[in-house]
C-alpha atoms as a PDB file:
ATOM      1  CA  MET A   1       6.857   1.357  19.998  1.00  0.00           C
ATOM      2  CA  THR A   2       8.274   4.429  18.277  1.00  0.00           C
ATOM      3  CA  THR A   3       5.707   6.341  16.200  1.00  0.00           C
ATOM      4  CA  LYS A   4       6.921   6.766  12.617  1.00  0.00           C
ATOM      5  CA  ILE A   5       3.842   8.357  11.022  1.00  0.00           C
ATOM      6  CA  ALA A   6       1.447  10.530  13.034  1.00  0.00           C
ATOM      7  CA  ILE A   7      -1.859  11.444  11.381  1.00  0.00           C
ATOM      8  CA  ARG A   8      -3.696  14.180  13.259  1.00  0.00           C
ATOM      9  CA  ASN A   9      -7.204  15.542  12.519  1.00  0.00           C
ATOM     10  CA  CYS A  10      -6.675  15.215   8.772  1.00  0.00           C
ATOM     11  CA  ASN A  11      -9.341  16.489   6.406  1.00  0.00           C
ATOM     12  CA  LYS A  12      -9.436  16.589   2.625  1.00  0.00           C
ATOM     13  CA  ILE A  13     -12.127  18.400   0.653  1.00  0.00           C
ATOM     14  CA  PHE A  14     -12.343  18.425  -3.134  1.00  0.00           C
ATOM     15  CA  GLY A  15     -14.309  21.074  -5.038  1.00  0.00           C
ATOM     16  CA  GLU A  16     -16.059  24.192  -3.808  1.00  0.00           C
ATOM     17  CA  GLY A  17     -19.540  25.304  -2.791  1.00  0.00           C
ATOM     18  CA  ASP A  18     -22.331  22.892  -3.690  1.00  0.00           C
ATOM     19  CA  LYS A  19     -19.806  20.655  -5.462  1.00  0.00           C
ATOM     20  CA  GLN A  20     -17.704  20.037  -2.363  1.00  0.00           C
ATOM     21  CA  VAL A  21     -16.853  16.419  -1.627  1.00  0.00           C
ATOM     22  CA  VAL A  22     -15.434  15.458   1.770  1.00  0.00           C
ATOM     23  CA  ALA A  23     -12.931  12.772   0.778  1.00  0.00           C
ATOM     24  CA  LEU A  24     -11.491  12.440   4.277  1.00  0.00           C
ATOM     25  CA  GLN A  25     -12.777  13.647   7.636  1.00  0.00           C
ATOM     26  CA  ASP A  26     -10.969  13.872  11.006  1.00  0.00           C
ATOM     27  CA  ALA A  27      -8.495  11.048  10.382  1.00  0.00           C
ATOM     28  CA  ASN A  28      -6.289  10.202  13.373  1.00  0.00           C
ATOM     29  CA  LEU A  29      -3.804   7.336  13.478  1.00  0.00           C
ATOM     30  CA  ASP A  30      -0.299   6.483  14.704  1.00  0.00           C
ATOM     31  CA  ILE A  31       1.797   4.065  12.638  1.00  0.00           C
ATOM     32  CA  ALA A  32       4.837   2.593  14.378  1.00  0.00           C
ATOM     33  CA  GLN A  33       8.321   2.329  12.940  1.00  0.00           C
ATOM     34  CA  ASN A  34       8.713  -0.891  10.881  1.00  0.00           C
ATOM     35  CA  GLU A  35       4.976  -1.615  11.170  1.00  0.00           C
ATOM     36  CA  PHE A  36       2.999  -3.052   8.241  1.00  0.00           C
ATOM     37  CA  VAL A  37      -0.435  -1.387   8.171  1.00  0.00           C
ATOM     38  CA  THR A  38      -3.085  -2.235   5.594  1.00  0.00           C
ATOM     39  CA  PHE A  39      -6.110  -0.106   4.677  1.00  0.00           C
ATOM     40  CA  VAL A  40      -9.407  -1.557   3.414  1.00  0.00           C
ATOM     41  CA  GLY A  41     -12.876  -0.189   2.783  1.00  0.00           C
ATOM     42  CA  ALA A  42     -15.524   0.410   0.160  1.00  0.00           C
ATOM     43  CA  SER A  43     -14.823   2.667  -2.824  1.00  0.00           C
ATOM     44  CA  GLY A  44     -14.844   6.348  -1.930  1.00  0.00           C
ATOM     45  CA  CYS A  45     -13.719   5.869   1.679  1.00  0.00           C
ATOM     46  CA  GLY A  46     -10.552   7.953   1.220  1.00  0.00           C
ATOM     47  CA  LYS A  47      -7.907   5.271   1.662  1.00  0.00           C
ATOM     48  CA  SER A  48      -5.940   6.133  -1.506  1.00  0.00           C
ATOM     49  CA  THR A  49      -6.354   9.850  -0.761  1.00  0.00           C
ATOM     50  CA  LEU A  50      -4.836   9.347   2.687  1.00  0.00           C
ATOM     51  CA  LEU A  51      -1.984   7.303   1.210  1.00  0.00           C
ATOM     52  CA  ARG A  52      -1.206  10.063  -1.292  1.00  0.00           C
ATOM     53  CA  MET A  53      -1.263  12.616   1.514  1.00  0.00           C
ATOM     54  CA  ILE A  54       1.314  10.568   3.442  1.00  0.00           C
ATOM     55  CA  GLY A  55       3.391  10.453   0.255  1.00  0.00           C
ATOM     56  CA  GLY A  56       3.164  14.228  -0.121  1.00  0.00           C
ATOM     57  CA  LEU A  57       1.378  13.905  -3.465  1.00  0.00           C
ATOM     58  CA  GLU A  58      -1.866  15.381  -2.127  1.00  0.00           C
ATOM     59  CA  THR A  59      -2.212  18.447   0.103  1.00  0.00           C
ATOM     60  CA  LEU A  60      -4.289  18.463   3.284  1.00  0.00           C
ATOM     61  CA  SER A  61      -7.297  20.759   3.613  1.00  0.00           C
ATOM     62  CA  SER A  62      -6.593  20.830   7.347  1.00  0.00           C
ATOM     63  CA  GLY A  63      -4.779  18.790   9.976  1.00  0.00           C
ATOM     64  CA  ASP A  64      -1.235  17.437   9.994  1.00  0.00           C
ATOM     65  CA  ILE A  65       0.766  14.384   8.978  1.00  0.00           C
ATOM     66  CA  SER A  66       4.249  14.071  10.416  1.00  0.00           C
ATOM     67  CA  ILE A  67       7.073  11.604   9.923  1.00  0.00           C
ATOM     68  CA  GLY A  68       9.477  11.272  12.801  1.00  0.00           C
ATOM     69  CA  GLY A  69       8.010  14.450  14.266  1.00  0.00           C
ATOM     70  CA  GLN A  70       8.464  16.515  11.084  1.00  0.00           C
ATOM     71  CA  SER A  71       5.348  17.697   9.247  1.00  0.00           C
ATOM     72  CA  ILE A  72       5.062  16.628   5.605  1.00  0.00           C
ATOM     73  CA  ASP A  73       5.165  19.465   3.069  1.00  0.00           C
ATOM     74  CA  GLY A  74       5.620  17.396  -0.097  1.00  0.00           C
ATOM     75  CA  PRO A  75       7.298  14.240  -1.448  1.00  0.00           C
ATOM     76  CA  GLY A  76      10.604  13.181   0.109  1.00  0.00           C
ATOM     77  CA  ILE A  77      13.381  10.635  -0.343  1.00  0.00           C
ATOM     78  CA  ASP A  78      12.277   9.006   2.923  1.00  0.00           C
ATOM     79  CA  ARG A  79       9.135   7.732   1.122  1.00  0.00           C
ATOM     80  CA  ALA A  80       8.600   5.656  -2.008  1.00  0.00           C
ATOM     81  CA  MET A  81       5.352   4.676  -3.722  1.00  0.00           C
ATOM     82  CA  VAL A  82       4.265   1.603  -5.664  1.00  0.00           C
ATOM     83  CA  PHE A  83       1.067   1.838  -7.697  1.00  0.00           C
ATOM     84  CA  GLN A  84      -1.197  -0.718  -9.386  1.00  0.00           C
ATOM     85  CA  HIS A  85       0.189   0.283 -12.776  1.00  0.00           C
ATOM     86  CA  TYR A  86       3.897  -0.389 -13.013  1.00  0.00           C
ATOM     87  CA  SER A  87       4.956   2.709 -15.017  1.00  0.00           C
ATOM     88  CA  LEU A  88       8.239   1.168 -16.107  1.00  0.00           C
ATOM     89  CA  TYR A  89      10.350   2.757 -18.819  1.00  0.00           C
ATOM     90  CA  PRO A  90       9.894   0.454 -21.853  1.00  0.00           C
ATOM     91  CA  TRP A  91      13.217   1.466 -23.442  1.00  0.00           C
ATOM     92  CA  LEU A  92      15.218   0.471 -20.336  1.00  0.00           C
ATOM     93  CA  THR A  93      16.127  -3.027 -19.189  1.00  0.00           C
ATOM     94  CA  VAL A  94      15.021  -4.397 -15.827  1.00  0.00           C
ATOM     95  CA  ARG A  95      18.335  -3.455 -14.222  1.00  0.00           C
ATOM     96  CA  GLU A  96      18.310  -0.003 -15.816  1.00  0.00           C
ATOM     97  CA  ASN A  97      14.743   0.608 -14.617  1.00  0.00           C
ATOM     98  CA  ILE A  98      15.732  -0.271 -11.056  1.00  0.00           C
ATOM     99  CA  ARG A  99      18.789   1.999 -11.169  1.00  0.00           C
ATOM    100  CA  PHE A 100      17.212   4.871 -13.102  1.00  0.00           C
ATOM    101  CA  CYS A 101      16.393   7.300 -10.268  1.00  0.00           C
ATOM    102  CA  ARG A 102      19.702   6.620  -8.529  1.00  0.00           C
ATOM    103  CA  GLN A 103      21.605   7.164 -11.777  1.00  0.00           C
ATOM    104  CA  LEU A 104      19.751  10.436 -12.371  1.00  0.00           C
ATOM    105  CA  LYS A 105      20.633  11.606  -8.871  1.00  0.00           C
ATOM    106  CA  ALA A 106      24.264  10.548  -9.340  1.00  0.00           C
ATOM    107  CA  HIS A 107      24.552  12.688 -12.469  1.00  0.00           C
ATOM    108  CA  THR A 108      22.895  15.627 -10.698  1.00  0.00           C
ATOM    109  CA  ASP A 109      25.035  15.332  -7.562  1.00  0.00           C
ATOM    110  CA  ASP A 110      28.244  14.438  -9.426  1.00  0.00           C
ATOM    111  CA  ARG A 111      28.741  11.505  -7.090  1.00  0.00           C
ATOM    112  CA  SER A 112      31.983   9.600  -6.724  1.00  0.00           C
ATOM    113  CA  SER A 113      32.698   6.321  -8.476  1.00  0.00           C
ATOM    114  CA  ALA A 114      32.429   4.612  -5.078  1.00  0.00           C
ATOM    115  CA  ASP A 115      28.826   5.834  -4.740  1.00  0.00           C
ATOM    116  CA  VAL A 116      28.014   4.645  -8.238  1.00  0.00           C
ATOM    117  CA  GLU A 117      29.565   1.254  -7.462  1.00  0.00           C
ATOM    118  CA  ALA A 118      27.529   1.027  -4.244  1.00  0.00           C
ATOM    119  CA  ALA A 119      24.359   1.790  -6.226  1.00  0.00           C
ATOM    120  CA  SER A 120      25.269  -0.978  -8.654  1.00  0.00           C
ATOM    121  CA  GLY A 121      25.666  -3.404  -5.767  1.00  0.00           C
ATOM    122  CA  ARG A 122      22.318  -2.322  -4.340  1.00  0.00           C
ATOM    123  CA  ALA A 123      20.631  -2.949  -7.694  1.00  0.00           C
ATOM    124  CA  ASP A 124      22.145  -6.437  -7.885  1.00  0.00           C
ATOM    125  CA  ALA A 125      20.994  -7.216  -4.336  1.00  0.00           C
ATOM    126  CA  LEU A 126      17.437  -6.148  -5.191  1.00  0.00           C
ATOM    127  CA  LEU A 127      17.461  -8.166  -8.400  1.00  0.00           C
ATOM    128  CA  ASN A 128      18.388 -11.203  -6.320  1.00  0.00           C
ATOM    129  CA  LEU A 129      15.796 -10.445  -3.615  1.00  0.00           C
ATOM    130  CA  MET A 130      13.039 -10.122  -6.224  1.00  0.00           C
ATOM    131  CA  GLY A 131      14.104 -13.226  -8.140  1.00  0.00           C
ATOM    132  CA  LEU A 132      14.902 -11.128 -11.207  1.00  0.00           C
ATOM    133  CA  SER A 133      18.617 -11.832 -11.677  1.00  0.00           C
ATOM    134  CA  LYS A 134      18.032 -13.923 -14.807  1.00  0.00           C
ATOM    135  CA  SER A 135      15.836 -11.174 -16.271  1.00  0.00           C
ATOM    136  CA  ALA A 136      18.187  -8.269 -15.538  1.00  0.00           C
ATOM    137  CA  HIS A 137      18.759  -7.524 -19.230  1.00  0.00           C
ATOM    138  CA  SER A 138      15.176  -8.105 -20.351  1.00  0.00           C
ATOM    139  CA  TYR A 139      12.778  -5.289 -21.260  1.00  0.00           C
ATOM    140  CA  PRO A 140       9.396  -4.724 -19.557  1.00  0.00           C
ATOM    141  CA  ASN A 141       7.367  -6.014 -22.513  1.00  0.00           C
ATOM    142  CA  GLN A 142       9.184  -9.342 -22.152  1.00  0.00           C
ATOM    143  CA  LEU A 143       7.958  -9.800 -18.557  1.00  0.00           C
ATOM    144  CA  SER A 144       4.730 -11.025 -16.978  1.00  0.00           C
ATOM    145  CA  GLY A 145       2.618  -8.640 -14.910  1.00  0.00           C
ATOM    146  CA  GLY A 146       3.932 -10.098 -11.669  1.00  0.00           C
ATOM    147  CA  MET A 147       7.542  -9.697 -12.773  1.00  0.00           C
ATOM    148  CA  GLN A 148       6.915  -6.104 -13.857  1.00  0.00           C
ATOM    149  CA  GLN A 149       5.510  -5.330 -10.418  1.00  0.00           C
ATOM    150  CA  ARG A 150       8.604  -6.871  -8.828  1.00  0.00           C
ATOM    151  CA  VAL A 151      10.697  -4.444 -10.876  1.00  0.00           C
ATOM    152  CA  ALA A 152       8.519  -1.535  -9.698  1.00  0.00           C
ATOM    153  CA  ILE A 153       8.958  -2.599  -6.054  1.00  0.00           C
ATOM    154  CA  ALA A 154      12.716  -3.013  -6.488  1.00  0.00           C
ATOM    155  CA  ARG A 155      12.922   0.455  -8.059  1.00  0.00           C
ATOM    156  CA  ALA A 156      10.981   1.911  -5.116  1.00  0.00           C
ATOM    157  CA  LEU A 157      13.382   0.231  -2.674  1.00  0.00           C
ATOM    158  CA  MET A 158      16.515   1.353  -4.521  1.00  0.00           C
ATOM    159  CA  GLY A 159      16.965   4.488  -2.419  1.00  0.00           C
ATOM    160  CA  ARG A 160      16.418   2.608   0.879  1.00  0.00           C
ATOM    161  CA  PRO A 161      13.220   4.508   1.801  1.00  0.00           C
ATOM    162  CA  GLU A 162      12.115   4.502   5.410  1.00  0.00           C
ATOM    163  CA  ILE A 163       8.470   4.266   4.313  1.00  0.00           C
ATOM    164  CA  LEU A 164       7.017   2.225   1.447  1.00  0.00           C
ATOM    165  CA  LEU A 165       3.539   3.270   0.300  1.00  0.00           C
ATOM    166  CA  MET A 166       1.648   0.731  -1.816  1.00  0.00           C
ATOM    167  CA  ASP A 167      -1.644   1.570  -3.563  1.00  0.00           C
ATOM    168  CA  GLU A 168      -3.395  -1.646  -4.646  1.00  0.00           C
ATOM    169  CA  PRO A 169      -0.136  -2.912  -6.172  1.00  0.00           C
ATOM    170  CA  PHE A 170      -1.467  -6.399  -6.938  1.00  0.00           C
ATOM    171  CA  GLY A 171      -4.950  -5.434  -8.142  1.00  0.00           C
ATOM    172  CA  ALA A 172      -4.214  -6.267 -11.785  1.00  0.00           C
ATOM    173  CA  LEU A 173      -2.608  -9.656 -11.093  1.00  0.00           C
ATOM    174  CA  ASP A 174      -4.209 -13.102 -11.218  1.00  0.00           C
ATOM    175  CA  ALA A 175      -4.919 -14.942  -7.943  1.00  0.00           C
ATOM    176  CA  GLN A 176      -1.914 -17.284  -8.122  1.00  0.00           C
ATOM    177  CA  THR A 177       0.537 -14.460  -8.874  1.00  0.00           C
ATOM    178  CA  ARG A 178      -0.963 -12.370  -6.071  1.00  0.00           C
ATOM    179  CA  GLU A 179      -0.184 -15.131  -3.565  1.00  0.00           C
ATOM    180  CA  VAL A 180       3.424 -15.239  -4.714  1.00  0.00           C
ATOM    181  CA  MET A 181       3.625 -11.449  -4.383  1.00  0.00           C
ATOM    182  CA  HIS A 182       2.162 -11.617  -0.871  1.00  0.00           C
ATOM    183  CA  ASP A 183       4.978 -13.853   0.343  1.00  0.00           C
ATOM    184  CA  LEU A 184       7.547 -11.739  -1.489  1.00  0.00           C
ATOM    185  CA  THR A 185       6.199  -8.564   0.151  1.00  0.00           C
ATOM    186  CA  CYS A 186       6.402 -10.190   3.585  1.00  0.00           C
ATOM    187  CA  ALA A 187      10.023 -11.119   2.859  1.00  0.00           C
ATOM    188  CA  VAL A 188      10.804  -7.578   1.678  1.00  0.00           C
ATOM    189  CA  HIS A 189       9.313  -6.153   4.878  1.00  0.00           C
ATOM    190  CA  LYS A 190      11.384  -8.482   7.030  1.00  0.00           C
ATOM    191  CA  ILE A 191      14.653  -7.809   5.177  1.00  0.00           C
ATOM    192  CA  GLU A 192      14.310  -4.081   4.437  1.00  0.00           C
ATOM    193  CA  ARG A 193      12.574  -3.184   7.736  1.00  0.00           C
ATOM    194  CA  ALA A 194      10.723  -0.304   6.122  1.00  0.00           C
ATOM    195  CA  THR A 195       7.415   0.940   7.478  1.00  0.00           C
ATOM    196  CA  ILE A 196       4.781  -0.194   4.951  1.00  0.00           C
ATOM    197  CA  VAL A 197       1.364   1.375   4.366  1.00  0.00           C
ATOM    198  CA  PHE A 198      -0.673  -0.763   1.958  1.00  0.00           C
ATOM    199  CA  VAL A 199      -4.072   0.039   0.395  1.00  0.00           C
ATOM    200  CA  THR A 200      -6.235  -2.796  -0.947  1.00  0.00           C
ATOM    201  CA  HIS A 201      -9.839  -3.810  -1.632  1.00  0.00           C
ATOM    202  CA  ASP A 202      -9.005  -7.422  -0.759  1.00  0.00           C
ATOM    203  CA  VAL A 203      -9.780  -8.155   2.913  1.00  0.00           C
ATOM    204  CA  GLU A 204      -7.924 -11.478   2.884  1.00  0.00           C
ATOM    205  CA  GLU A 205      -4.844  -9.745   1.460  1.00  0.00           C
ATOM    206  CA  ALA A 206      -5.077  -7.020   4.120  1.00  0.00           C
ATOM    207  CA  ILE A 207      -5.170  -9.536   6.984  1.00  0.00           C
ATOM    208  CA  TYR A 208      -2.436 -11.787   5.591  1.00  0.00           C
ATOM    209  CA  LEU A 209       0.026  -8.930   5.093  1.00  0.00           C
ATOM    210  CA  GLY A 210      -0.749  -6.512   7.908  1.00  0.00           C
ATOM    211  CA  ASP A 211       0.180  -6.133  11.547  1.00  0.00           C
ATOM    212  CA  ARG A 212      -2.992  -4.043  11.756  1.00  0.00           C
ATOM    213  CA  VAL A 213      -5.928  -3.567   9.390  1.00  0.00           C
ATOM    214  CA  VAL A 214      -7.457  -0.092   9.238  1.00  0.00           C
ATOM    215  CA  LEU A 215     -11.048  -0.171   7.992  1.00  0.00           C
ATOM    216  CA  MET A 216     -12.238   3.067   6.396  1.00  0.00           C
ATOM    217  CA  ALA A 217     -15.842   4.055   5.760  1.00  0.00           C
ATOM    218  CA  PRO A 218     -17.302   6.260   2.991  1.00  0.00           C
ATOM    219  CA  ARG A 219     -19.533   9.334   2.818  1.00  0.00           C
ATOM    220  CA  PRO A 220     -17.551  11.054   4.261  1.00  0.00           C
ATOM    221  CA  GLY A 221     -14.298   9.091   4.081  1.00  0.00           C
ATOM    222  CA  ARG A 222     -13.077   8.314   7.584  1.00  0.00           C
ATOM    223  CA  ILE A 223     -11.211   5.808   9.744  1.00  0.00           C
ATOM    224  CA  ASP A 224     -13.883   3.537  11.237  1.00  0.00           C
ATOM    225  CA  THR A 225     -12.193   0.597  12.992  1.00  0.00           C
ATOM    226  CA  VAL A 226      -8.620  -0.581  13.573  1.00  0.00           C
ATOM    227  CA  PHE A 227      -8.086  -4.345  13.888  1.00  0.00           C
ATOM    228  CA  GLN A 228      -4.983  -5.950  15.402  1.00  0.00           C
ATOM    229  CA  VAL A 229      -4.106  -9.029  13.323  1.00  0.00           C
ATOM    230  CA  PRO A 230      -3.866 -12.119  15.587  1.00  0.00           C
ATOM    231  CA  LEU A 231      -1.208 -13.885  13.512  1.00  0.00           C
ATOM    232  CA  PRO A 232       2.511 -14.469  14.167  1.00  0.00           C
ATOM    233  CA  GLU A 233       5.069 -12.329  12.348  1.00  0.00           C
ATOM    234  CA  LYS A 234       6.029 -15.190  10.033  1.00  0.00           C
ATOM    235  CA  ARG A 235       3.066 -15.935   7.765  1.00  0.00           C
ATOM    236  CA  ASP A 236       2.175 -18.920   5.611  1.00  0.00           C
ATOM    237  CA  LYS A 237      -0.859 -19.728   3.496  1.00  0.00           C
ATOM    238  CA  SER A 238      -2.245 -22.315   5.949  1.00  0.00           C
ATOM    239  CA  MET A 239      -3.053 -19.451   8.332  1.00  0.00           C
ATOM    240  CA  LYS A 240      -5.778 -18.271   5.952  1.00  0.00           C
ATOM    241  CA  HIS A 241      -7.846 -21.267   7.085  1.00  0.00           C
ATOM    242  CA  SER A 242      -7.321 -20.728  10.824  1.00  0.00           C
ATOM    243  CA  PRO A 243     -10.339 -19.827  13.010  1.00  0.00           C
ATOM    244  CA  GLU A 244      -8.688 -16.510  13.984  1.00  0.00           C
ATOM    245  CA  PHE A 245      -8.144 -15.498  10.351  1.00  0.00           C
ATOM    246  CA  LEU A 246     -11.645 -16.463   9.230  1.00  0.00           C
ATOM    247  CA  LYS A 247     -13.252 -14.749  12.235  1.00  0.00           C
ATOM    248  CA  MET A 248     -11.452 -11.475  11.499  1.00  0.00           C
ATOM    249  CA  LYS A 249     -12.281 -11.722   7.798  1.00  0.00           C
ATOM    250  CA  LEU A 250     -15.990 -12.091   8.569  1.00  0.00           C
ATOM    251  CA  GLU A 251     -15.895  -9.221  11.083  1.00  0.00           C
ATOM    252  CA  ILE A 252     -14.243  -6.872   8.587  1.00  0.00           C
ATOM    253  CA  LEU A 253     -16.513  -7.861   5.693  1.00  0.00           C
ATOM    254  CA  ASP A 254     -19.585  -7.401   7.879  1.00  0.00           C
ATOM    255  CA  ARG A 255     -18.400  -3.962   8.997  1.00  0.00           C
ATOM    256  CA  ILE A 256     -17.669  -2.923   5.386  1.00  0.00           C
ATOM    257  CA  ARG A 257     -21.235  -3.879   4.467  1.00  0.00           C
ATOM    258  CA  GLU A 258     -22.602  -1.871   7.386  1.00  0.00           C
ATOM    259  CA  THR A 259     -20.557   1.280   6.740  1.00  0.00           C
ATOM    260  CA  SER A 260     -21.229   1.272   2.996  1.00  0.00           C
ATOM    261  CA  GLY A 261     -24.972   0.607   3.287  1.00  0.00           C
ATOM    262  CA  MET A 262     -24.723  -2.758   1.519  1.00  0.00           C
ATOM    263  CA  LYS A 263     -26.105  -4.630   4.523  1.00  0.00           C
ATOM    264  CA  THR A 264     -29.269  -2.510   4.536  1.00  0.00           C
ATOM    265  CA  ASP A 265     -29.659  -3.058   0.784  1.00  0.00           C
ATOM    266  CA  LEU A 266     -29.325  -6.836   1.225  1.00  0.00           C
ATOM    267  CA  GLU A 267     -31.908  -6.831   4.019  1.00  0.00           C
ATOM    268  CA  GLN A 268     -34.310  -4.884   1.797  1.00  0.00           C
ATOM    269  CA  LEU A 269     -33.786  -7.382  -1.019  1.00  0.00           C
ATOM    270  CA  GLU A 270     -34.479 -10.287   1.341  1.00  0.00           C
ATOM    271  CA  LYS A 271     -37.720  -8.622   2.516  1.00  0.00           C
ATOM    272  CA  LEU A 272     -38.815  -7.983  -1.071  1.00  0.00           C
ATOM    273  CA  SER A 273     -37.974 -11.573  -2.003  1.00  0.00           C
ATOM    274  CA  ALA A 274     -39.990 -12.876   0.962  1.00  0.00           C
ATOM    275  CA  LEU A 275     -42.968 -10.714  -0.045  1.00  0.00           C
ATOM    276  CA  ALA A 276     -42.729 -11.904  -3.642  1.00  0.00           C
ATOM    277  CA  HIS A 277     -42.726 -15.546  -2.611  1.00  0.00           C
ATOM    278  CA  GLY A 278     -45.028 -15.164   0.394  1.00  0.00           C
END
């Protein structure tokens, strides 16, 4: 498969002297074109830092990240980001929010009416894909959290990015809405064919969405284990109860406990409990 994102010996250090914190150490990973890769791990393992570095929002202390063979030196139109907080413009309607960046670029570039019309068609297609057509003229405060995140995803897709970077986009949603968003994200990946890099704390979410799950470990932040997801490309909720899914979930959870020190803490608690009741 063609490598889309190449991460080579990446390091990120915050602070100086005694206050230095190694957020990411010697990260190496290839992400294929059109692949859906999810990142999980305990807090402080560097997964969001790495995502921001791919997006060009965070500089590297050393190493290199390249897209299609070209080193990243900042944000680019080939990448779009979706965050946990929707950051929609409250004074714009759903349709206007989706079109905002494209409209701004059109004014800057003095684009032709044909380009503007094409952008309008793209916005309508995304409204339909996200199930937002009936809410096109609504304002963000009139929408549920799940619907607002759909608008944010549609806005990110407006410019047809080659890479979609998602940082815990469903973390603030309730369980039922998250499941709906999972299936919608799978559909978006299939239709748009963008390469997706997705950060989450939810192991089940990571397995259900990803082609591969990258487990990161803290202190210092680093890539620990890469799991190939043993599920077919087309996903449905029944797969979450399959032996393969449950086995991988247990393996990942166990490794997270080991790398974060939680397993040792639990063993100590069990020993103390046994002594107390011995």
